[in-house]
Amino acid sequence: MKKIIALFLLNSIVGFAQNPDEKQLAAIYKSALTESKCYNWLDHLSNVVGSRLSGSEGAQKAVAYTKLQMESSEAFDKVYLQEVMVPKWVRGEKEIGYFLDGKKKTAVPVCALGGSIATPKAGITAEIIEVQSLEELKALGTDKIKGKIIFFNRPMEASKIETFHSYFEAGDQRRAGAKEASKYGAVGAIVRSLTLRLDDFPHTGWMGYGDIPESQYIPAAAISTNGAELLSKTLKNNPKLLFHFKQSCRKEADVLSYNVVGEIKGSEHPEKVMVVGGHLDSWDLADGSHDDGAGCVQSMEVANIFKNIGFKPKNTLRVVLFMNEENGGRGGQKYQELALKNNENHIFAMESDSGGFAPRGFSLQSDAVNFKKITAWKNLFEPYYVHVFSEGHAGSDIEPLTSSKIVKAGLLPDPQRYFDYHHAQNDTFDAVNKRELELGAATMTSLIYLIDTYGIE
């Protein structure tokens, strides 16, 4: 305790001799924690607009709401929409799942995976086989798989501190499990939810059938982790267990939607563009407060903070709320298409799409020279407990963006709780902490300020 008090006193004394960047970051964080609008924006986006799956009424309401808030904020020189055609997938009635152990019927929580086809109206009932990987599936072959349901039950690896690594490693069974199982004659796929927590929430997410014929498509559903544990345990005692699931999801024709863009024209270099954003669409099971309502309102807050502290960026700054990240990525692709058409020069892009938790740093995509330049600013962020500057993926929506020389950054919040909520019905407003959300917005704004002030090499 004495060390903490001493550190606090030292920081207070040092504060009297701050350099201009330290002062500016202090002003940014103060504005975020005392004058921010992002939490109220998220409240409305989550609790009034609700879920925002691409092509849905909720997605269109979200476009209208965020555009109005940007226009009303007086932080932008102009606000506009970018048209983008998006897929429309509809979940339909609530899914049903259970297994039959002799005469005993045990219900388990399931939900259709995004992009899946429906089961027949009466559902599917068949023997179920548990596998841990696509390789194990292949080893079983057609003779053992044909006519059965495949149960992919590989958990996310709990030993990894970086939970996103665990997610991507375990995610192949969700993304491609149904496609691969269908090649061996399976009639359905059940996939363990991608979360480290044991609970009763099935987690959806996008899956695909690749280039296999539509006649070979099979329905795929996620099962909650508690359900997966119980099913696996029961299968060990009765390998002839029957599983039943029913879902009525469907794909409809593409519909028109929009990216929402707010722009502040650069005072010195308007031809150089910086982008900050998140994705406005969410899955349909909940309101998507962490994924990615948080990233959208944090990006909007960047412009609000600059207005509050009287900072006018030298380079053009765009806040972009991308549509359709969850099941197609067409918003990011459309933004890049228009950037190329207009011959725009993007020097920096940042995305927040890892939840509204306490910020810890950035994942950077850049050359060695700019990576060294940015990591040299680490000491400016350490007083705010932001210390991770690593090389890695910056964000799905900004991934397509190219320019002659561009640096990309993804906000890295604390990752330990994100997959408790990711793509599940508990990704709701009450799961977001106001202060952590605001700190994330301040951290994003701080890096944008530094990029704007010192440029890239």
Protein backbone atom coordinates (compact mmCIF):
# COMPACT_ATOMS: atom_id res chain seq x y z
CA MET A 1 0.00 0.00 0.00
CA LYS A 2 2.86 2.39 0.82
CA LYS A 3 4.37 1.77 -2.64
CA ILE A 4 1.03 2.61 -4.32
CA ILE A 5 0.73 5.87 -2.36
CA ALA A 6 4.34 6.78 -3.18
CA LEU A 7 3.75 6.11 -6.87
CA PHE A 8 0.60 8.26 -6.78
CA LEU A 9 2.53 11.14 -5.18
CA LEU A 10 5.36 10.78 -7.68
CA ASN A 11 2.92 10.88 -10.59
CA SER A 12 1.32 13.99 -9.10
CA ILE A 13 4.68 15.74 -8.86
CA VAL A 14 5.69 14.68 -12.37
CA GLY A 15 2.36 16.04 -13.60
CA PHE A 16 3.64 19.57 -13.04
CA ALA A 17 6.38 18.94 -15.61
CA GLN A 18 4.44 17.16 -18.29
CA ASN A 19 5.51 17.42 -21.88
CA PRO A 20 2.89 18.47 -24.49
CA ASP A 21 1.97 14.88 -25.39
CA GLU A 22 1.51 13.89 -21.75
CA LYS A 23 -0.74 16.92 -21.27
CA GLN A 24 -2.76 16.09 -24.34
CA LEU A 25 -3.28 12.47 -23.30
CA ALA A 26 -4.31 13.65 -19.83
CA ALA A 27 -6.88 15.94 -21.43
CA ILE A 28 -8.13 13.12 -23.64
CA TYR A 29 -8.62 10.71 -20.74
CA LYS A 30 -10.26 13.39 -18.60
CA SER A 31 -12.73 14.20 -21.35
CA ALA A 32 -13.54 10.52 -21.88
CA LEU A 33 -14.18 9.94 -18.19
CA THR A 34 -16.19 13.11 -17.51
CA GLU A 35 -17.86 14.25 -20.75
CA SER A 36 -18.32 11.13 -22.87
CA LYS A 37 -21.49 10.18 -24.69
CA CYS A 38 -20.49 6.65 -25.65
CA TYR A 39 -22.21 4.83 -22.78
CA ASN A 40 -25.53 6.56 -23.46
CA TRP A 41 -25.16 5.87 -27.17
CA LEU A 42 -24.58 2.20 -26.41
CA ASP A 43 -27.59 2.14 -24.07
CA HIS A 44 -29.86 3.25 -26.90
CA LEU A 45 -28.19 1.06 -29.51
CA SER A 46 -28.56 -1.98 -27.26
CA ASN A 47 -31.80 -1.45 -25.41
CA VAL A 48 -33.88 0.50 -27.93
CA VAL A 49 -32.52 -0.64 -31.32
CA GLY A 50 -31.53 -4.13 -30.17
CA SER A 51 -30.01 -6.88 -32.32
CA ARG A 52 -28.66 -5.75 -35.68
CA LEU A 53 -28.01 -8.71 -37.97
CA SER A 54 -27.25 -7.60 -41.53
CA GLY A 55 -30.39 -7.18 -43.58
CA SER A 56 -32.65 -6.93 -40.55
CA GLU A 57 -34.92 -4.11 -39.44
CA GLY A 58 -32.65 -3.65 -36.41
CA ALA A 59 -29.63 -3.06 -38.65
CA GLN A 60 -31.50 -0.36 -40.57
CA LYS A 61 -32.61 1.31 -37.34
CA ALA A 62 -28.99 1.28 -36.15
CA VAL A 63 -27.89 3.03 -39.34
CA ALA A 64 -30.50 5.74 -38.87
CA TYR A 65 -29.72 6.19 -35.15
CA THR A 66 -25.94 6.43 -35.42
CA LYS A 67 -26.14 8.75 -38.43
CA LEU A 68 -28.45 11.07 -36.46
CA GLN A 69 -26.15 11.04 -33.42
CA MET A 70 -23.11 11.89 -35.54
CA GLU A 71 -24.98 14.73 -37.21
CA SER A 72 -26.21 16.03 -33.85
CA SER A 73 -22.81 15.86 -32.14
CA GLU A 74 -21.39 18.83 -34.10
CA ALA A 75 -18.06 17.00 -34.12
CA PHE A 76 -18.02 16.26 -37.86
CA ASP A 77 -17.75 18.35 -41.00
CA LYS A 78 -20.02 15.90 -42.80
CA VAL A 79 -21.86 12.65 -42.18
CA TYR A 80 -22.93 10.33 -44.98
CA LEU A 81 -23.88 6.77 -45.89
CA GLN A 82 -22.14 4.29 -48.18
CA GLU A 83 -24.49 1.86 -49.90
CA VAL A 84 -23.61 -1.81 -49.56
CA MET A 85 -25.59 -4.92 -50.51
CA VAL A 86 -25.61 -7.41 -47.64
CA PRO A 87 -26.79 -11.00 -47.15
CA LYS A 88 -30.01 -11.66 -45.26
CA TRP A 89 -30.13 -14.79 -43.12
CA VAL A 90 -33.13 -15.30 -40.85
CA ARG A 91 -33.07 -17.59 -37.79
CA GLY A 92 -36.77 -18.40 -37.68
CA GLU A 93 -38.36 -20.16 -34.71
CA LYS A 94 -36.40 -20.97 -31.58
CA GLU A 95 -34.35 -24.11 -32.08
CA ILE A 96 -35.00 -27.40 -30.26
CA GLY A 97 -32.36 -29.91 -29.19
CA TYR A 98 -32.43 -33.04 -27.05
CA PHE A 99 -30.91 -36.50 -26.79
CA LEU A 100 -32.57 -39.83 -26.10
CA ASP A 101 -30.88 -42.23 -23.70
CA GLY A 102 -33.20 -45.19 -23.89
CA LYS A 103 -36.59 -43.75 -22.96
CA LYS A 104 -35.07 -40.75 -21.14
CA LYS A 105 -35.27 -37.46 -23.04
CA THR A 106 -32.83 -34.69 -22.04
CA ALA A 107 -33.15 -31.20 -23.51
CA VAL A 108 -29.97 -29.23 -24.28
CA PRO A 109 -29.61 -25.58 -25.38
CA VAL A 110 -28.82 -25.26 -29.11
CA CYS A 111 -28.96 -22.54 -31.74
CA ALA A 112 -28.45 -22.57 -35.49
CA LEU A 113 -25.07 -21.44 -36.71
CA GLY A 114 -25.24 -18.40 -38.97
CA GLY A 115 -25.53 -19.39 -42.61
CA SER A 116 -26.82 -22.87 -41.86
CA ILE A 117 -29.72 -24.41 -43.68
CA ALA A 118 -32.83 -25.58 -41.82
CA THR A 119 -33.57 -29.11 -40.77
CA PRO A 120 -36.64 -30.80 -42.21
CA LYS A 121 -39.83 -29.51 -40.55
CA ALA A 122 -39.94 -32.47 -38.19
CA GLY A 123 -36.25 -32.06 -37.32
CA ILE A 124 -33.48 -34.64 -37.54
CA THR A 125 -33.07 -37.63 -35.25
CA ALA A 126 -30.00 -39.84 -35.63
CA GLU A 127 -27.13 -41.48 -33.80
CA ILE A 128 -24.45 -38.99 -32.86
CA ILE A 129 -20.68 -39.42 -32.99
CA GLU A 130 -18.29 -37.24 -30.97
CA VAL A 131 -15.03 -36.03 -32.55
CA GLN A 132 -12.35 -33.64 -31.37
CA SER A 133 -11.07 -32.42 -34.72
CA LEU A 134 -11.51 -32.38 -38.48
CA GLU A 135 -8.62 -34.85 -38.66
CA GLU A 136 -10.45 -37.32 -36.42
CA LEU A 137 -13.53 -36.89 -38.62
CA LYS A 138 -11.49 -37.80 -41.70
CA ALA A 139 -10.01 -40.85 -39.98
CA LEU A 140 -13.49 -42.23 -39.23
CA GLY A 141 -14.50 -42.13 -42.89
CA THR A 142 -17.81 -42.64 -44.66
CA ASP A 143 -18.58 -46.12 -43.31
CA LYS A 144 -18.81 -44.88 -39.72
CA ILE A 145 -20.25 -41.43 -40.40
CA LYS A 146 -22.93 -41.87 -43.06
CA GLY A 147 -26.43 -41.18 -41.77
CA LYS A 148 -25.22 -39.87 -38.42
CA ILE A 149 -24.90 -36.48 -36.69
CA ILE A 150 -21.34 -35.35 -35.95
CA PHE A 151 -20.68 -33.74 -32.57
CA PHE A 152 -17.57 -31.50 -32.66
CA ASN A 153 -16.52 -31.19 -29.03
CA ARG A 154 -13.01 -29.70 -28.95
CA PRO A 155 -12.95 -27.00 -26.23
CA MET A 156 -11.08 -23.73 -26.51
CA GLU A 157 -7.60 -24.23 -25.04
CA ALA A 158 -7.80 -22.90 -21.47
CA SER A 159 -4.04 -22.73 -20.91
CA LYS A 160 -3.54 -19.86 -23.37
CA ILE A 161 -3.51 -16.37 -21.85
CA GLU A 162 -4.40 -14.83 -25.21
CA THR A 163 -7.96 -16.10 -25.53
CA PHE A 164 -8.29 -14.98 -29.15
CA HIS A 165 -5.64 -17.53 -30.10
CA SER A 166 -7.72 -20.24 -28.42
CA TYR A 167 -10.81 -19.02 -30.25
CA PHE A 168 -9.28 -19.11 -33.71
CA GLU A 169 -7.67 -22.51 -33.13
CA ALA A 170 -10.94 -24.10 -32.00
CA GLY A 171 -13.00 -22.22 -34.57
CA ASP A 172 -12.28 -24.47 -37.53
CA GLN A 173 -14.93 -26.92 -36.32
CA ARG A 174 -17.57 -24.17 -36.37
CA ARG A 175 -16.47 -22.61 -39.64
CA ALA A 176 -15.99 -25.81 -41.62
CA GLY A 177 -17.35 -28.67 -39.52
CA ALA A 178 -20.64 -29.09 -41.39
CA LYS A 179 -18.95 -28.84 -44.77
CA GLU A 180 -16.40 -31.52 -43.92
CA ALA A 181 -18.91 -33.82 -42.19
CA SER A 182 -21.20 -33.71 -45.21
CA LYS A 183 -18.44 -35.16 -47.40
CA TYR A 184 -18.70 -38.40 -45.42
CA GLY A 185 -22.50 -38.61 -45.49
CA ALA A 186 -23.35 -36.99 -42.12
CA VAL A 187 -26.89 -35.64 -41.82
CA GLY A 188 -26.14 -32.86 -39.34
CA ALA A 189 -23.44 -31.16 -37.25
CA ILE A 190 -23.52 -30.08 -33.62
CA VAL A 191 -20.64 -27.84 -32.52
CA ARG A 192 -19.48 -27.03 -29.01
CA SER A 193 -19.85 -23.31 -28.33
CA LEU A 194 -16.66 -21.27 -28.54
CA THR A 195 -16.37 -20.03 -24.98
CA LEU A 196 -14.11 -20.89 -22.06
CA ARG A 197 -16.98 -20.70 -19.60
CA LEU A 198 -19.32 -23.55 -18.71
CA ASP A 199 -22.85 -22.18 -19.11
CA ASP A 200 -26.18 -22.75 -20.81
CA PHE A 201 -25.78 -20.18 -23.60
CA PRO A 202 -25.20 -21.57 -27.09
CA HIS A 203 -22.90 -19.26 -29.07
CA THR A 204 -23.69 -18.75 -32.74
CA GLY A 205 -21.29 -17.50 -35.41
CA TRP A 206 -20.73 -17.80 -39.13
CA MET A 207 -20.17 -21.11 -40.87
CA GLY A 208 -19.82 -21.92 -44.55
CA TYR A 209 -20.27 -24.75 -47.01
CA GLY A 210 -17.39 -23.77 -49.27
CA ASP A 211 -17.70 -25.07 -52.80
CA ILE A 212 -19.68 -28.25 -52.10
CA PRO A 213 -22.99 -28.62 -54.01
CA GLU A 214 -26.12 -27.31 -52.29
CA SER A 215 -27.52 -30.84 -52.41
CA GLN A 216 -24.82 -31.80 -49.88
CA TYR A 217 -25.54 -29.00 -47.39
CA ILE A 218 -26.39 -30.26 -43.90
CA PRO A 219 -27.81 -28.25 -40.97
CA ALA A 220 -25.42 -27.11 -38.25
CA ALA A 221 -26.10 -25.90 -34.72
CA ALA A 222 -24.10 -24.81 -31.69
CA ILE A 223 -24.65 -26.47 -28.34
CA SER A 224 -23.94 -24.77 -24.99
CA THR A 225 -20.83 -25.87 -23.13
CA ASN A 226 -22.89 -27.37 -20.29
CA GLY A 227 -24.93 -29.20 -22.89
CA ALA A 228 -21.78 -30.42 -24.62
CA GLU A 229 -20.32 -31.73 -21.36
CA LEU A 230 -23.52 -33.60 -20.52
CA LEU A 231 -23.87 -35.02 -24.02
CA SER A 232 -20.25 -36.20 -24.05
CA LYS A 233 -20.58 -37.83 -20.64
CA THR A 234 -23.79 -39.62 -21.63
CA LEU A 235 -22.28 -40.77 -24.94
CA LYS A 236 -19.49 -42.55 -23.07
CA ASN A 237 -22.09 -44.65 -21.29
CA ASN A 238 -24.30 -45.12 -24.36
CA PRO A 239 -22.51 -44.80 -27.73
CA LYS A 240 -25.81 -45.54 -29.52
CA LEU A 241 -27.41 -42.38 -28.16
CA LEU A 242 -29.92 -40.64 -30.44
CA PHE A 243 -29.81 -36.88 -30.90
CA HIS A 244 -32.61 -34.68 -32.21
CA PHE A 245 -32.51 -31.07 -33.32
CA LYS A 246 -34.87 -28.82 -35.22
CA GLN A 247 -34.27 -25.38 -36.74
CA SER A 248 -36.09 -23.28 -39.34
CA CYS A 249 -33.44 -20.78 -40.47
CA ARG A 250 -33.36 -19.58 -44.06
CA LYS A 251 -31.42 -17.42 -46.47
CA GLU A 252 -33.22 -14.65 -48.35
CA ALA A 253 -32.18 -12.33 -51.18
CA ASP A 254 -29.50 -9.72 -50.52
CA VAL A 255 -30.76 -6.34 -49.30
CA LEU A 256 -29.46 -2.78 -49.39
CA SER A 257 -27.75 -1.48 -46.27
CA TYR A 258 -25.09 1.08 -45.40
CA ASN A 259 -21.79 1.95 -43.80
CA VAL A 260 -22.18 5.08 -41.68
CA VAL A 261 -19.34 7.60 -42.10
CA GLY A 262 -18.54 10.76 -40.18
CA GLU A 263 -15.66 12.90 -41.46
CA ILE A 264 -13.50 15.66 -40.03
CA LYS A 265 -11.52 17.31 -42.81
CA GLY A 266 -7.79 17.63 -42.08
CA SER A 267 -6.59 21.16 -41.36
CA GLU A 268 -3.20 20.68 -43.04
CA HIS A 269 -3.27 17.41 -44.99
CA PRO A 270 -6.88 16.74 -45.99
CA GLU A 271 -5.67 14.31 -48.66
CA LYS A 272 -4.27 11.98 -45.97
CA VAL A 273 -6.99 9.87 -44.33
CA MET A 274 -7.14 8.20 -40.92
CA VAL A 275 -9.97 5.76 -40.19
CA VAL A 276 -11.36 4.54 -36.88
CA GLY A 277 -14.34 2.23 -36.60
CA GLY A 278 -16.22 -0.86 -35.53
CA HIS A 279 -18.96 -2.96 -37.07
CA LEU A 280 -22.55 -1.89 -36.64
CA ASP A 281 -24.12 -5.29 -37.29
CA SER A 282 -24.43 -7.90 -34.56
CA TRP A 283 -25.74 -11.42 -34.22
CA ASP A 284 -29.44 -11.83 -33.57
CA LEU A 285 -29.45 -13.65 -30.22
CA ALA A 286 -28.79 -10.47 -28.23
CA ASP A 287 -28.11 -6.77 -28.70
CA GLY A 288 -24.37 -7.17 -29.36
CA SER A 289 -23.19 -4.68 -26.76
CA HIS A 290 -19.65 -6.03 -26.68
CA ASP A 291 -19.64 -7.31 -30.27
CA ASP A 292 -19.55 -4.70 -31.57
CA GLY A 293 -21.75 -1.95 -30.21
CA ALA A 294 -18.88 -1.01 -27.93
CA GLY A 295 -16.45 -0.50 -30.80
CA CYS A 296 -18.94 1.64 -32.71
CA VAL A 297 -19.67 4.05 -29.88
CA GLN A 298 -15.99 4.22 -28.89
CA SER A 299 -15.15 5.25 -32.45
CA MET A 300 -17.86 7.91 -32.40
CA GLU A 301 -16.47 9.08 -29.06
CA VAL A 302 -13.05 9.75 -30.63
CA ALA A 303 -14.55 12.66 -32.58
CA ASN A 304 -16.49 13.81 -29.51
CA ILE A 305 -13.31 13.92 -27.42
CA PHE A 306 -11.45 15.94 -30.05
CA LYS A 307 -14.33 18.41 -30.12
CA ASN A 308 -14.38 18.68 -26.31
CA ILE A 309 -10.65 19.36 -25.98
CA GLY A 310 -10.53 21.66 -29.01
CA PHE A 311 -8.21 19.47 -31.08
CA LYS A 312 -8.43 19.79 -34.85
CA PRO A 313 -6.64 16.93 -36.64
CA LYS A 314 -4.13 17.83 -39.34
CA ASN A 315 -5.14 14.79 -41.38
CA THR A 316 -8.67 13.89 -42.38
CA LEU A 317 -10.31 11.64 -39.78
CA ARG A 318 -13.18 9.32 -40.64
CA VAL A 319 -15.31 7.42 -38.16
CA VAL A 320 -16.71 4.43 -40.07
CA LEU A 321 -19.37 2.08 -38.73
CA PHE A 322 -19.08 -0.92 -41.00
CA MET A 323 -22.02 -3.13 -41.92
CA ASN A 324 -21.92 -6.93 -42.28
CA GLU A 325 -18.73 -7.95 -40.51
CA GLU A 326 -20.39 -10.93 -38.85
CA ASN A 327 -21.60 -12.79 -41.91
CA GLY A 328 -19.81 -11.53 -44.97
CA GLY A 329 -17.47 -8.57 -44.40
CA ARG A 330 -19.04 -6.60 -47.20
CA GLY A 331 -18.93 -3.25 -45.41
CA GLY A 332 -15.14 -3.29 -45.22
CA GLN A 333 -14.89 -4.49 -48.79
CA LYS A 334 -17.19 -1.72 -50.01
CA TYR A 335 -15.20 0.92 -48.13
CA GLN A 336 -12.00 -0.29 -49.81
CA GLU A 337 -13.68 -0.41 -53.21
CA LEU A 338 -14.75 3.22 -52.90
CA ALA A 339 -11.35 4.27 -51.53
CA LEU A 340 -9.68 2.82 -54.61
CA LYS A 341 -12.24 4.39 -56.92
CA ASN A 342 -11.64 7.82 -55.34
CA ASN A 343 -7.85 7.33 -55.29
CA GLU A 344 -7.69 8.03 -51.55
CA ASN A 345 -4.52 7.91 -49.50
CA HIS A 346 -5.08 6.19 -46.16
CA ILE A 347 -2.20 6.46 -43.73
CA PHE A 348 -3.80 4.88 -40.66
CA ALA A 349 -6.74 2.64 -39.76
CA MET A 350 -7.91 1.48 -36.33
CA GLU A 351 -10.66 -0.91 -35.33
CA SER A 352 -12.25 -1.76 -32.00
CA ASP A 353 -13.87 -5.20 -32.20
CA SER A 354 -12.76 -7.08 -29.08
CA GLY A 355 -15.32 -5.88 -26.56
CA GLY A 356 -15.73 -2.92 -24.25
CA PHE A 357 -13.41 -4.17 -21.52
CA ALA A 358 -10.51 -2.29 -19.94
CA PRO A 359 -7.93 -1.37 -22.62
CA ARG A 360 -4.54 -3.04 -22.46
CA GLY A 361 -2.87 -1.98 -25.71
CA PHE A 362 -2.86 -2.41 -29.47
CA SER A 363 -2.31 -5.08 -32.08
CA LEU A 364 -0.33 -3.48 -34.90
CA GLN A 365 0.06 -4.24 -38.60
CA SER A 366 2.92 -2.14 -39.94
CA ASP A 367 6.45 -2.26 -41.21
CA ALA A 368 9.35 -2.44 -38.76
CA VAL A 369 10.09 1.29 -38.87
CA ASN A 370 6.58 2.36 -37.91
CA PHE A 371 6.22 -0.41 -35.36
CA LYS A 372 9.35 0.90 -33.61
CA LYS A 373 8.02 4.45 -33.81
CA ILE A 374 4.68 3.55 -32.23
CA THR A 375 6.15 1.36 -29.50
CA ALA A 376 8.36 4.29 -28.50
CA TRP A 377 5.13 5.97 -27.28
CA LYS A 378 4.51 3.17 -24.83
CA ASN A 379 5.63 5.25 -21.84
CA LEU A 380 2.87 7.77 -22.57
CA PHE A 381 0.23 5.03 -22.16
CA GLU A 382 1.65 3.24 -19.13
CA PRO A 383 0.07 5.63 -16.57
CA TYR A 384 -3.28 4.41 -17.93
CA TYR A 385 -2.36 0.72 -17.54
CA VAL A 386 -2.01 0.39 -21.30
CA HIS A 387 1.21 -1.46 -22.06
CA VAL A 388 0.76 -4.12 -24.80
CA PHE A 389 2.08 -3.11 -28.24
CA SER A 390 2.26 -6.29 -30.28
CA GLU A 391 2.33 -7.30 -33.91
CA GLY A 392 -0.84 -9.00 -35.11
CA HIS A 393 -4.28 -8.78 -36.69
CA ALA A 394 -5.81 -5.30 -36.46
CA GLY A 395 -9.41 -5.96 -37.48
CA SER A 396 -11.61 -7.69 -40.04
CA ASP A 397 -13.27 -4.54 -41.40
CA ILE A 398 -10.00 -2.70 -42.02
CA GLU A 399 -8.23 -5.81 -43.32
CA PRO A 400 -9.20 -5.14 -46.99
CA LEU A 401 -7.97 -1.54 -46.82
CA THR A 402 -4.83 -0.84 -48.83
CA SER A 403 -2.79 2.26 -49.60
CA SER A 404 0.73 3.08 -50.69
CA LYS A 405 1.79 3.20 -47.02
CA ILE A 406 -0.62 2.40 -44.21
CA VAL A 407 -0.41 1.44 -40.54
CA LYS A 408 -3.26 -0.52 -38.95
CA ALA A 409 -4.09 -0.97 -35.28
CA GLY A 410 -6.63 -2.97 -33.32
CA LEU A 411 -7.58 -1.97 -29.79
CA LEU A 412 -6.70 -4.75 -27.34
CA PRO A 413 -9.00 -4.77 -24.33
CA ASP A 414 -8.48 -7.29 -21.53
CA PRO A 415 -9.43 -10.55 -23.30
CA GLN A 416 -10.32 -12.85 -20.41
CA ARG A 417 -14.12 -12.30 -20.33
CA TYR A 418 -14.87 -11.53 -23.98
CA PHE A 419 -15.80 -15.07 -24.99
CA ASP A 420 -18.20 -15.36 -22.05
CA TYR A 421 -20.49 -13.16 -24.16
CA HIS A 422 -19.32 -13.45 -27.75
CA HIS A 423 -22.18 -14.37 -30.16
CA ALA A 424 -24.48 -15.41 -27.29
CA GLN A 425 -27.75 -14.16 -25.83
CA ASN A 426 -25.99 -12.67 -22.80
CA ASP A 427 -24.07 -10.11 -24.92
CA THR A 428 -26.23 -7.35 -23.50
CA PHE A 429 -25.80 -3.80 -22.20
CA ASP A 430 -25.58 -4.84 -18.54
CA ALA A 431 -22.36 -6.75 -19.34
CA VAL A 432 -20.53 -3.51 -20.27
CA ASN A 433 -18.78 -1.41 -17.63
CA LYS A 434 -19.15 2.32 -18.26
CA ARG A 435 -15.67 3.31 -17.11
CA GLU A 436 -13.91 0.55 -19.03
CA LEU A 437 -15.81 1.53 -22.19
CA GLU A 438 -14.74 5.16 -21.77
CA LEU A 439 -11.11 4.22 -21.08
CA GLY A 440 -11.09 2.27 -24.33
CA ALA A 441 -12.33 5.31 -26.24
CA ALA A 442 -9.65 7.48 -24.64
CA THR A 443 -6.93 4.97 -25.52
CA MET A 444 -8.03 4.90 -29.17
CA THR A 445 -8.18 8.70 -29.29
CA SER A 446 -4.69 8.98 -27.81
CA LEU A 447 -3.06 6.83 -30.47
CA ILE A 448 -4.92 8.69 -33.23
CA TYR A 449 -3.70 12.00 -31.76
CA LEU A 450 -0.09 10.76 -31.84
CA ILE A 451 -0.38 9.40 -35.39
CA ASP A 452 -1.95 12.67 -36.51
CA THR A 453 0.74 14.77 -34.80
CA TYR A 454 3.83 12.82 -35.87
CA GLY A 455 2.62 10.96 -38.96
CA ILE A 456 3.95 7.66 -40.24
CA GLU A 457 7.33 6.98 -41.81
